[in-house]
């Protein structure tokens, strides 16, 4: 005789579905809030999203940790015009995987950055992917890591004061996309 599994009540199933949807909504809001704050020129607000997180790019070996380091990256690199970068970050293809029992989640999404200035007609200046990790704490979901994977680079002259994707002084050399997992590999000698 096969033992039957206890049936979940409809209200218990509905509660689980509601919790999962609520988790996904909260995580989606974090992903979209990043773009909203950045386009508004709220660099401190962007950095606050990463106060308990690491912030990385496939273009540089450095790992930024916490609000202070992330804020420095944005204030040193993003050009503002009357307090705004004149950009629109469009985030799409958001896929969220939640491990509710562990209080952890991961998300993948794509981004496209548009910019227009009097000196620059409206155009796409950058596109790529975000690979994010999250944790649920007493105050809700928060970022624990963001990896930015840059796929296409356009005209960044009016968006950046300095290029956060350029090789650092320690790793300067020629970068080529490697065959393994799309990573960039250094060739040639580092410059002094």
N, C-alpha and C. Protein backbone atom coordinates (compact mmCIF):
# COMPACT_ATOMS: atom_id res chain seq x y z
N UNK A 1 0.83 -1.17 0.00
CA UNK A 1 0.00 0.00 0.00
C UNK A 1 0.88 1.24 0.00
N UNK A 2 0.57 2.17 -0.86
CA UNK A 2 1.33 3.40 -0.98
C UNK A 2 0.76 4.43 -0.03
N UNK A 3 1.68 5.03 0.73
CA UNK A 3 1.24 6.06 1.68
C UNK A 3 0.88 7.32 0.89
N UNK A 4 -0.22 7.89 1.23
CA UNK A 4 -0.61 9.11 0.54
C UNK A 4 0.02 10.32 1.22
N UNK A 5 0.34 11.30 0.40
CA UNK A 5 0.90 12.53 0.94
C UNK A 5 -0.22 13.40 1.45
N UNK A 6 0.07 14.12 2.53
CA UNK A 6 -0.98 15.03 3.01
C UNK A 6 -1.22 16.12 1.97
N UNK A 7 -2.45 16.43 1.78
CA UNK A 7 -2.80 17.48 0.83
C UNK A 7 -2.68 18.84 1.47
N UNK A 8 -2.16 19.76 0.69
CA UNK A 8 -2.11 21.14 1.16
C UNK A 8 -3.48 21.75 0.97
N UNK A 9 -3.84 22.54 1.92
CA UNK A 9 -5.11 23.25 1.77
C UNK A 9 -4.94 24.31 0.70
N UNK A 10 -6.05 24.70 0.12
CA UNK A 10 -5.99 25.74 -0.91
C UNK A 10 -5.44 27.04 -0.34
N UNK A 11 -5.76 27.34 0.91
CA UNK A 11 -5.27 28.59 1.49
C UNK A 11 -3.76 28.53 1.70
N UNK A 12 -3.19 27.37 2.04
CA UNK A 12 -1.74 27.24 2.21
C UNK A 12 -1.04 27.39 0.86
N UNK A 13 -1.60 26.79 -0.19
CA UNK A 13 -1.03 26.93 -1.52
C UNK A 13 -1.10 28.38 -2.00
N UNK A 14 -2.20 29.03 -1.73
CA UNK A 14 -2.36 30.43 -2.12
C UNK A 14 -1.36 31.31 -1.38
N UNK A 15 -1.12 31.00 -0.10
CA UNK A 15 -0.16 31.78 0.68
C UNK A 15 1.25 31.63 0.13
N UNK A 16 1.63 30.40 -0.26
CA UNK A 16 2.95 30.18 -0.85
C UNK A 16 3.10 30.92 -2.16
N UNK A 17 2.07 30.88 -2.99
CA UNK A 17 2.09 31.58 -4.26
C UNK A 17 2.20 33.08 -4.04
N UNK A 18 1.44 33.61 -3.08
CA UNK A 18 1.48 35.03 -2.76
C UNK A 18 2.85 35.43 -2.26
N UNK A 19 3.45 34.61 -1.37
CA UNK A 19 4.79 34.92 -0.86
C UNK A 19 5.82 34.93 -1.98
N UNK A 20 5.76 33.95 -2.89
CA UNK A 20 6.70 33.89 -4.00
C UNK A 20 6.54 35.12 -4.90
N UNK A 21 5.30 35.49 -5.18
CA UNK A 21 5.05 36.66 -6.02
C UNK A 21 5.54 37.92 -5.31
N UNK A 22 5.32 38.00 -4.02
CA UNK A 22 5.76 39.15 -3.24
C UNK A 22 7.29 39.25 -3.25
N UNK A 23 7.98 38.12 -3.10
CA UNK A 23 9.45 38.11 -3.16
C UNK A 23 9.92 38.59 -4.53
N UNK A 24 9.33 38.08 -5.58
CA UNK A 24 9.72 38.49 -6.93
C UNK A 24 9.45 39.98 -7.18
N UNK A 25 8.34 40.47 -6.67
CA UNK A 25 8.02 41.89 -6.82
C UNK A 25 9.05 42.75 -6.10
N UNK A 26 9.43 42.36 -4.90
CA UNK A 26 10.40 43.13 -4.11
C UNK A 26 11.77 43.14 -4.80
N UNK A 27 12.17 42.01 -5.35
CA UNK A 27 13.46 41.91 -6.04
C UNK A 27 13.42 42.70 -7.35
N UNK A 28 12.32 42.61 -8.08
CA UNK A 28 12.16 43.40 -9.30
C UNK A 28 12.27 44.89 -8.99
N UNK A 29 11.66 45.30 -7.89
CA UNK A 29 11.71 46.71 -7.50
C UNK A 29 13.15 47.16 -7.26
N UNK A 30 13.97 46.32 -6.65
CA UNK A 30 15.38 46.68 -6.44
C UNK A 30 16.11 46.86 -7.77
N UNK A 31 15.90 45.93 -8.68
CA UNK A 31 16.56 46.00 -9.99
C UNK A 31 16.15 47.27 -10.72
N UNK A 32 14.87 47.58 -10.72
CA UNK A 32 14.38 48.75 -11.44
C UNK A 32 14.72 50.06 -10.72
N UNK A 33 14.81 50.02 -9.39
CA UNK A 33 15.17 51.21 -8.62
C UNK A 33 16.58 51.68 -8.96
N UNK A 34 17.48 50.74 -9.21
CA UNK A 34 18.85 51.09 -9.61
C UNK A 34 18.80 51.99 -10.85
N UNK A 35 18.08 51.57 -11.87
CA UNK A 35 18.00 52.34 -13.11
C UNK A 35 17.32 53.69 -12.88
N UNK A 36 16.25 53.69 -12.11
CA UNK A 36 15.51 54.92 -11.84
C UNK A 36 16.40 55.95 -11.13
N UNK A 37 17.13 55.51 -10.10
CA UNK A 37 17.98 56.43 -9.35
C UNK A 37 19.15 56.93 -10.20
N UNK A 38 19.74 56.04 -10.99
CA UNK A 38 20.87 56.44 -11.82
C UNK A 38 20.44 57.48 -12.86
N UNK A 39 19.32 57.25 -13.51
CA UNK A 39 18.83 58.21 -14.51
C UNK A 39 18.44 59.55 -13.88
N UNK A 40 18.06 59.53 -12.61
CA UNK A 40 17.70 60.77 -11.92
C UNK A 40 18.93 61.51 -11.40
N UNK A 41 20.11 60.89 -11.51
CA UNK A 41 21.33 61.50 -11.00
C UNK A 41 21.51 61.32 -9.51
N UNK A 42 20.73 60.44 -8.91
CA UNK A 42 20.80 60.17 -7.47
C UNK A 42 21.89 59.12 -7.21
N UNK A 43 23.14 59.53 -7.33
CA UNK A 43 24.25 58.60 -7.20
C UNK A 43 24.37 58.06 -5.78
N UNK A 44 24.05 58.89 -4.78
CA UNK A 44 24.06 58.42 -3.39
C UNK A 44 22.99 57.35 -3.19
N UNK A 45 21.83 57.54 -3.82
CA UNK A 45 20.76 56.55 -3.73
C UNK A 45 21.13 55.24 -4.39
N UNK A 46 21.84 55.33 -5.53
CA UNK A 46 22.33 54.12 -6.20
C UNK A 46 23.27 53.38 -5.26
N UNK A 47 24.23 54.11 -4.70
CA UNK A 47 25.23 53.49 -3.82
C UNK A 47 24.59 52.85 -2.59
N UNK A 48 23.54 53.46 -2.08
CA UNK A 48 22.85 52.92 -0.90
C UNK A 48 22.28 51.53 -1.18
N UNK A 49 21.88 51.28 -2.42
CA UNK A 49 21.37 49.94 -2.76
C UNK A 49 22.42 48.86 -2.55
N UNK A 50 23.71 49.24 -2.56
CA UNK A 50 24.80 48.28 -2.46
C UNK A 50 25.55 48.39 -1.12
N UNK A 51 24.88 48.93 -0.11
CA UNK A 51 25.56 49.12 1.18
C UNK A 51 26.00 47.81 1.81
N UNK A 52 25.33 46.71 1.48
CA UNK A 52 25.71 45.39 2.00
C UNK A 52 26.10 44.45 0.86
N UNK A 53 26.66 45.02 -0.20
CA UNK A 53 26.88 44.20 -1.41
C UNK A 53 28.23 44.48 -2.04
N UNK A 54 28.58 43.59 -2.95
CA UNK A 54 29.73 43.81 -3.81
C UNK A 54 29.21 44.28 -5.16
N UNK A 55 30.07 44.99 -5.89
CA UNK A 55 29.70 45.58 -7.17
C UNK A 55 30.88 45.35 -8.10
N UNK A 56 30.64 44.63 -9.21
CA UNK A 56 31.74 44.19 -10.07
C UNK A 56 31.39 44.37 -11.54
N UNK A 57 32.44 44.27 -12.37
CA UNK A 57 32.28 44.32 -13.82
C UNK A 57 33.20 43.29 -14.45
N UNK A 58 32.79 42.77 -15.59
CA UNK A 58 33.66 41.83 -16.30
C UNK A 58 34.82 42.56 -16.97
N UNK A 59 34.82 43.88 -16.91
CA UNK A 59 35.87 44.68 -17.55
C UNK A 59 37.00 45.08 -16.62
N UNK A 60 36.82 44.88 -15.33
CA UNK A 60 37.85 45.27 -14.36
C UNK A 60 37.94 44.21 -13.27
N UNK A 61 39.14 44.02 -12.72
CA UNK A 61 39.28 43.00 -11.68
C UNK A 61 38.83 43.46 -10.29
N UNK A 62 38.73 44.78 -10.07
CA UNK A 62 38.39 45.27 -8.75
C UNK A 62 36.97 44.89 -8.35
N UNK A 63 36.81 44.62 -7.07
CA UNK A 63 35.49 44.37 -6.50
C UNK A 63 35.23 45.51 -5.53
N UNK A 64 34.16 46.27 -5.80
CA UNK A 64 33.79 47.35 -4.88
C UNK A 64 32.87 46.78 -3.83
N UNK A 65 33.08 47.21 -2.58
CA UNK A 65 32.28 46.69 -1.47
C UNK A 65 31.65 47.83 -0.70
N UNK A 66 30.34 47.78 -0.57
CA UNK A 66 29.63 48.73 0.26
C UNK A 66 29.36 50.07 -0.39
N UNK A 67 28.57 50.85 0.32
CA UNK A 67 28.07 52.13 -0.18
C UNK A 67 29.19 53.09 -0.56
N UNK A 68 30.18 53.26 0.31
CA UNK A 68 31.24 54.24 0.09
C UNK A 68 32.03 53.96 -1.19
N UNK A 69 32.43 52.72 -1.41
CA UNK A 69 33.21 52.38 -2.60
C UNK A 69 32.37 52.49 -3.88
N UNK A 70 31.12 52.08 -3.81
CA UNK A 70 30.25 52.17 -4.99
C UNK A 70 29.97 53.63 -5.33
N UNK A 71 29.74 54.46 -4.30
CA UNK A 71 29.50 55.88 -4.55
C UNK A 71 30.72 56.51 -5.21
N UNK A 72 31.91 56.15 -4.77
CA UNK A 72 33.13 56.71 -5.38
C UNK A 72 33.21 56.36 -6.87
N UNK A 73 32.86 55.12 -7.23
CA UNK A 73 32.88 54.73 -8.64
C UNK A 73 31.96 55.63 -9.45
N UNK A 74 30.75 55.83 -8.98
CA UNK A 74 29.78 56.62 -9.74
C UNK A 74 30.15 58.10 -9.77
N UNK A 75 30.58 58.67 -8.66
CA UNK A 75 30.92 60.10 -8.66
C UNK A 75 32.17 60.39 -9.49
N UNK A 76 33.08 59.44 -9.57
CA UNK A 76 34.30 59.64 -10.36
C UNK A 76 34.10 59.36 -11.84
N UNK A 77 33.04 58.66 -12.21
CA UNK A 77 32.91 58.27 -13.61
C UNK A 77 31.72 58.85 -14.35
N UNK A 78 30.58 59.00 -13.71
CA UNK A 78 29.36 59.42 -14.42
C UNK A 78 29.30 60.94 -14.57
N UNK A 79 29.18 61.41 -15.79
CA UNK A 79 29.04 62.84 -16.07
C UNK A 79 27.60 63.27 -15.84
N UNK A 80 27.43 64.35 -15.08
CA UNK A 80 26.09 64.89 -14.81
C UNK A 80 25.96 66.27 -15.44
N UNK A 81 24.77 66.56 -15.94
CA UNK A 81 24.45 67.84 -16.54
C UNK A 81 23.26 68.41 -15.77
N UNK A 82 23.48 69.46 -15.01
CA UNK A 82 22.45 69.99 -14.11
C UNK A 82 21.93 68.88 -13.20
N UNK A 83 22.83 68.03 -12.73
CA UNK A 83 22.49 66.99 -11.77
C UNK A 83 22.00 65.67 -12.34
N UNK A 84 21.90 65.56 -13.68
CA UNK A 84 21.39 64.33 -14.28
C UNK A 84 22.31 63.87 -15.41
N UNK A 85 22.37 62.55 -15.66
CA UNK A 85 23.25 62.05 -16.72
C UNK A 85 22.65 62.07 -18.13
N UNK A 86 21.41 62.50 -18.25
CA UNK A 86 20.73 62.55 -19.56
C UNK A 86 20.64 61.16 -20.19
N UNK A 87 20.40 60.16 -19.37
CA UNK A 87 20.30 58.77 -19.83
C UNK A 87 18.95 58.18 -19.47
N UNK A 88 18.65 57.07 -20.14
CA UNK A 88 17.53 56.21 -19.79
C UNK A 88 18.06 54.78 -19.81
N UNK A 89 18.06 54.15 -18.63
CA UNK A 89 18.45 52.74 -18.53
C UNK A 89 17.19 51.90 -18.67
N UNK A 90 17.17 51.04 -19.66
CA UNK A 90 16.03 50.16 -19.90
C UNK A 90 16.45 48.76 -19.49
N UNK A 91 15.76 48.20 -18.50
CA UNK A 91 16.08 46.87 -18.00
C UNK A 91 15.01 45.90 -18.47
N UNK A 92 15.43 44.80 -19.10
CA UNK A 92 14.49 43.84 -19.67
C UNK A 92 14.92 42.41 -19.36
N UNK A 93 14.09 41.47 -19.78
CA UNK A 93 14.38 40.04 -19.69
C UNK A 93 14.75 39.62 -18.27
N UNK A 94 14.07 40.17 -17.29
CA UNK A 94 14.37 39.89 -15.89
C UNK A 94 13.90 38.49 -15.51
N UNK A 95 14.85 37.67 -15.09
CA UNK A 95 14.57 36.30 -14.63
C UNK A 95 15.02 36.22 -13.18
N UNK A 96 14.11 35.85 -12.29
CA UNK A 96 14.41 35.80 -10.85
C UNK A 96 14.22 34.38 -10.35
N UNK A 97 15.20 33.90 -9.60
CA UNK A 97 15.13 32.58 -8.97
C UNK A 97 15.23 32.79 -7.47
N UNK A 98 14.20 32.39 -6.74
CA UNK A 98 14.15 32.62 -5.30
C UNK A 98 14.27 31.30 -4.55
N UNK A 99 15.14 31.27 -3.56
CA UNK A 99 15.22 30.16 -2.61
C UNK A 99 14.68 30.72 -1.30
N UNK A 100 13.37 30.65 -1.14
CA UNK A 100 12.70 31.26 0.00
C UNK A 100 13.18 30.67 1.32
N UNK A 101 13.40 29.37 1.35
CA UNK A 101 13.82 28.72 2.59
C UNK A 101 15.17 29.26 3.07
N UNK A 102 16.07 29.53 2.14
CA UNK A 102 17.40 30.04 2.50
C UNK A 102 17.44 31.56 2.59
N UNK A 103 16.37 32.23 2.13
CA UNK A 103 16.36 33.68 2.14
C UNK A 103 17.35 34.28 1.15
N UNK A 104 17.51 33.58 0.03
CA UNK A 104 18.45 34.01 -1.01
C UNK A 104 17.74 34.03 -2.36
N UNK A 105 18.27 34.83 -3.28
CA UNK A 105 17.71 34.89 -4.62
C UNK A 105 18.80 35.31 -5.60
N UNK A 106 18.57 35.00 -6.85
CA UNK A 106 19.46 35.42 -7.94
C UNK A 106 18.59 35.94 -9.07
N UNK A 107 19.15 36.87 -9.84
CA UNK A 107 18.41 37.41 -10.99
C UNK A 107 19.39 37.68 -12.12
N UNK A 108 18.85 37.55 -13.32
CA UNK A 108 19.59 37.92 -14.53
C UNK A 108 18.69 38.85 -15.32
N UNK A 109 19.30 39.87 -15.90
CA UNK A 109 18.52 40.78 -16.73
C UNK A 109 19.45 41.41 -17.77
N UNK A 110 18.83 42.08 -18.72
CA UNK A 110 19.58 42.79 -19.75
C UNK A 110 19.34 44.27 -19.57
N UNK A 111 20.34 45.07 -19.95
CA UNK A 111 20.16 46.51 -19.88
C UNK A 111 20.59 47.16 -21.18
N UNK A 112 19.92 48.24 -21.50
CA UNK A 112 20.25 49.08 -22.64
C UNK A 112 20.24 50.52 -22.13
N UNK A 113 21.32 51.26 -22.39
CA UNK A 113 21.40 52.64 -21.93
C UNK A 113 21.31 53.56 -23.14
N UNK A 114 20.32 54.45 -23.11
CA UNK A 114 20.15 55.46 -24.15
C UNK A 114 20.59 56.81 -23.58
N UNK A 115 21.10 57.66 -24.47
CA UNK A 115 21.48 59.00 -24.04
C UNK A 115 21.21 59.98 -25.17
N UNK A 116 20.86 61.20 -24.77
CA UNK A 116 20.72 62.31 -25.73
C UNK A 116 21.21 63.57 -25.04
N UNK A 117 21.94 64.35 -25.80
CA UNK A 117 22.47 65.64 -25.35
C UNK A 117 22.40 66.59 -26.54
N UNK A 118 22.51 67.88 -26.33
CA UNK A 118 22.56 68.77 -27.50
C UNK A 118 23.68 68.38 -28.46
N UNK A 119 24.78 67.85 -27.91
CA UNK A 119 25.93 67.46 -28.73
C UNK A 119 25.82 66.02 -29.25
N UNK A 120 24.80 65.30 -28.80
CA UNK A 120 24.69 63.87 -29.11
C UNK A 120 23.24 63.53 -29.40
N UNK A 121 22.93 63.08 -30.62
CA UNK A 121 21.54 62.68 -30.89
C UNK A 121 21.19 61.43 -30.08
N UNK A 122 19.91 61.24 -29.85
CA UNK A 122 19.45 60.08 -29.09
C UNK A 122 20.01 58.80 -29.70
N UNK A 123 20.66 58.00 -28.85
CA UNK A 123 21.25 56.75 -29.33
C UNK A 123 21.53 55.81 -28.17
N UNK A 124 21.71 54.54 -28.51
CA UNK A 124 22.13 53.54 -27.53
C UNK A 124 23.63 53.72 -27.33
N UNK A 125 24.04 53.86 -26.07
CA UNK A 125 25.47 54.05 -25.79
C UNK A 125 26.10 52.85 -25.10
N UNK A 126 25.27 51.94 -24.58
CA UNK A 126 25.82 50.79 -23.85
C UNK A 126 24.73 49.73 -23.69
N UNK A 127 25.13 48.46 -23.75
CA UNK A 127 24.18 47.39 -23.43
C UNK A 127 24.94 46.21 -22.87
N UNK A 128 24.22 45.43 -22.10
CA UNK A 128 24.84 44.26 -21.47
C UNK A 128 23.86 43.54 -20.57
N UNK A 129 24.43 42.90 -19.56
CA UNK A 129 23.62 42.08 -18.66
C UNK A 129 24.01 42.34 -17.21
N UNK A 130 23.02 42.18 -16.32
CA UNK A 130 23.26 42.21 -14.88
C UNK A 130 23.06 40.80 -14.35
N UNK A 131 23.98 40.34 -13.55
CA UNK A 131 23.82 39.11 -12.78
C UNK A 131 23.84 39.52 -11.32
N UNK A 132 22.70 39.39 -10.66
CA UNK A 132 22.53 39.90 -9.30
C UNK A 132 22.26 38.77 -8.31
N UNK A 133 22.66 39.03 -7.07
CA UNK A 133 22.35 38.14 -5.94
C UNK A 133 21.72 38.99 -4.85
N UNK A 134 20.81 38.36 -4.10
CA UNK A 134 20.06 39.06 -3.07
C UNK A 134 19.96 38.20 -1.82
N UNK A 135 19.71 38.86 -0.70
CA UNK A 135 19.43 38.16 0.56
C UNK A 135 18.24 38.86 1.21
N UNK A 136 17.45 38.06 1.93
CA UNK A 136 16.31 38.63 2.65
C UNK A 136 16.74 38.85 4.09
N UNK A 137 16.58 40.05 4.57
CA UNK A 137 16.92 40.39 5.95
C UNK A 137 15.68 40.87 6.68
N UNK A 138 15.88 41.39 7.87
CA UNK A 138 14.73 41.86 8.66
C UNK A 138 13.94 42.98 7.98
N UNK A 139 14.60 43.76 7.12
CA UNK A 139 13.92 44.87 6.43
C UNK A 139 13.53 44.51 5.01
N UNK A 140 13.62 43.26 4.64
CA UNK A 140 13.23 42.85 3.30
C UNK A 140 14.44 42.44 2.47
N UNK A 141 14.25 42.39 1.17
CA UNK A 141 15.30 41.95 0.25
C UNK A 141 16.31 43.06 0.02
N UNK A 142 17.57 42.66 -0.20
CA UNK A 142 18.65 43.60 -0.49
C UNK A 142 19.65 42.96 -1.44
N UNK A 143 20.38 43.79 -2.18
CA UNK A 143 21.46 43.29 -3.03
C UNK A 143 22.57 42.72 -2.17
N UNK A 144 23.19 41.63 -2.61
CA UNK A 144 24.44 41.16 -2.02
C UNK A 144 25.57 41.18 -3.05
N UNK A 145 25.22 41.20 -4.34
CA UNK A 145 26.24 41.26 -5.38
C UNK A 145 25.61 41.67 -6.70
N UNK A 146 26.34 42.51 -7.44
CA UNK A 146 25.95 42.81 -8.82
C UNK A 146 27.20 42.66 -9.69
N UNK A 147 27.07 41.85 -10.73
CA UNK A 147 28.10 41.70 -11.74
C UNK A 147 27.54 42.29 -13.02
N UNK A 148 28.24 43.29 -13.57
CA UNK A 148 27.83 43.92 -14.82
C UNK A 148 28.66 43.31 -15.94
N UNK A 149 27.97 42.73 -16.91
CA UNK A 149 28.62 42.13 -18.07
C UNK A 149 28.32 43.04 -19.26
N UNK A 150 29.34 43.69 -19.78
CA UNK A 150 29.17 44.63 -20.87
C UNK A 150 29.30 43.89 -22.19
N UNK A 151 28.27 44.00 -23.03
CA UNK A 151 28.27 43.32 -24.32
C UNK A 151 28.58 44.26 -25.48
N UNK A 152 27.97 45.44 -25.49
CA UNK A 152 28.16 46.39 -26.60
C UNK A 152 28.43 47.78 -26.04
N UNK A 153 29.42 48.46 -26.63
CA UNK A 153 29.78 49.80 -26.18
C UNK A 153 29.64 50.76 -27.35
N UNK A 154 28.89 51.83 -27.12
CA UNK A 154 28.73 52.87 -28.14
C UNK A 154 29.51 54.11 -27.74
N UNK A 155 28.95 55.27 -28.03
CA UNK A 155 29.60 56.55 -27.77
C UNK A 155 29.38 56.96 -26.32
N UNK A 156 30.40 56.77 -25.50
CA UNK A 156 30.31 57.07 -24.07
C UNK A 156 30.91 58.44 -23.71
N UNK A 157 31.30 59.23 -24.69
CA UNK A 157 31.98 60.50 -24.42
C UNK A 157 31.19 61.43 -23.52
N UNK A 158 29.87 61.43 -23.65
CA UNK A 158 29.05 62.36 -22.88
C UNK A 158 28.44 61.70 -21.64
N UNK A 159 28.73 60.44 -21.42
CA UNK A 159 28.20 59.73 -20.27
C UNK A 159 29.22 59.58 -19.15
N UNK A 160 30.47 59.44 -19.53
CA UNK A 160 31.49 59.13 -18.53
C UNK A 160 32.57 60.19 -18.44
N UNK A 161 32.95 60.53 -17.20
CA UNK A 161 34.10 61.40 -16.97
C UNK A 161 35.38 60.60 -17.16
N UNK A 162 35.35 59.38 -16.69
CA UNK A 162 36.46 58.44 -16.89
C UNK A 162 35.83 57.08 -17.12
N UNK A 163 36.54 56.21 -17.73
CA UNK A 163 35.98 54.92 -18.15
C UNK A 163 36.16 53.85 -17.07
N UNK A 164 35.07 53.46 -16.38
CA UNK A 164 35.20 52.43 -15.35
C UNK A 164 35.46 51.05 -15.95
N UNK A 165 35.33 50.93 -17.28
CA UNK A 165 35.56 49.65 -17.93
C UNK A 165 36.98 49.53 -18.48
N UNK A 166 37.73 50.65 -18.42
CA UNK A 166 39.11 50.61 -18.91
C UNK A 166 39.95 49.79 -17.94
N UNK A 167 41.01 49.17 -18.44
CA UNK A 167 41.86 48.40 -17.55
C UNK A 167 42.49 49.31 -16.50
N UNK A 168 42.62 48.79 -15.29
CA UNK A 168 43.25 49.56 -14.24
C UNK A 168 44.74 49.65 -14.50
N UNK A 169 45.41 50.51 -13.76
CA UNK A 169 46.86 50.71 -13.95
C UNK A 169 47.60 49.39 -13.79
N UNK A 170 47.18 48.57 -12.84
CA UNK A 170 47.85 47.30 -12.57
C UNK A 170 47.63 46.26 -13.67
N UNK A 171 46.52 46.37 -14.38
CA UNK A 171 46.19 45.33 -15.36
C UNK A 171 46.18 45.84 -16.79
N UNK A 172 46.73 47.03 -17.03
CA UNK A 172 46.70 47.57 -18.38
C UNK A 172 47.41 46.64 -19.35
N UNK A 173 46.93 46.55 -20.49
CA UNK A 173 47.44 45.70 -21.55
C UNK A 173 46.32 45.63 -22.57
N UNK A 174 46.41 44.76 -23.49
CA UNK A 174 45.35 44.61 -24.47
C UNK A 174 44.37 43.56 -23.95
N UNK A 175 43.10 43.90 -23.94
CA UNK A 175 42.08 42.96 -23.48
C UNK A 175 41.39 42.34 -24.68
N UNK A 176 41.23 41.03 -24.63
CA UNK A 176 40.50 40.33 -25.67
C UNK A 176 39.49 39.42 -25.00
N UNK A 177 38.36 39.21 -25.64
CA UNK A 177 37.34 38.34 -25.07
C UNK A 177 37.81 36.91 -25.21
N UNK A 178 37.89 36.21 -24.07
CA UNK A 178 38.30 34.81 -24.07
C UNK A 178 37.15 33.90 -24.43
N UNK A 179 37.45 32.69 -24.76
CA UNK A 179 36.41 31.74 -25.14
C UNK A 179 35.68 31.18 -23.93
N UNK A 180 36.31 31.18 -22.78
CA UNK A 180 35.68 30.62 -21.59
C UNK A 180 34.79 31.65 -20.93
N UNK A 181 33.52 31.41 -20.90
CA UNK A 181 32.53 32.19 -20.18
C UNK A 181 32.57 33.68 -20.49
N UNK A 182 33.03 34.06 -21.68
CA UNK A 182 32.99 35.46 -22.07
C UNK A 182 33.89 36.37 -21.28
N UNK A 183 34.87 35.83 -20.55
CA UNK A 183 35.75 36.66 -19.75
C UNK A 183 36.77 37.36 -20.64
N UNK A 184 37.27 38.47 -20.12
CA UNK A 184 38.29 39.19 -20.84
C UNK A 184 39.65 38.74 -20.34
N UNK A 185 40.56 38.50 -21.27
CA UNK A 185 41.89 38.02 -20.95
C UNK A 185 42.90 39.08 -21.34
N UNK A 186 43.93 39.25 -20.52
CA UNK A 186 44.95 40.24 -20.82
C UNK A 186 46.04 39.61 -21.67
N UNK A 187 46.40 40.31 -22.73
CA UNK A 187 47.51 39.87 -23.54
C UNK A 187 48.52 40.99 -23.59
N UNK A 188 49.72 40.69 -23.93
CA UNK A 188 50.74 41.73 -23.97
C UNK A 188 51.24 42.03 -22.56
N UNK A 189 52.14 42.99 -22.47
CA UNK A 189 52.71 43.35 -21.17
C UNK A 189 51.96 44.50 -20.55
N UNK A 190 51.83 44.45 -19.20
CA UNK A 190 51.23 45.63 -18.54
C UNK A 190 52.14 46.83 -18.74
N UNK A 191 51.52 48.00 -18.85
CA UNK A 191 52.30 49.22 -18.98
C UNK A 191 52.79 49.65 -17.60
N UNK A 192 53.97 50.28 -17.53
CA UNK A 192 54.48 50.72 -16.21
C UNK A 192 53.65 51.85 -15.63
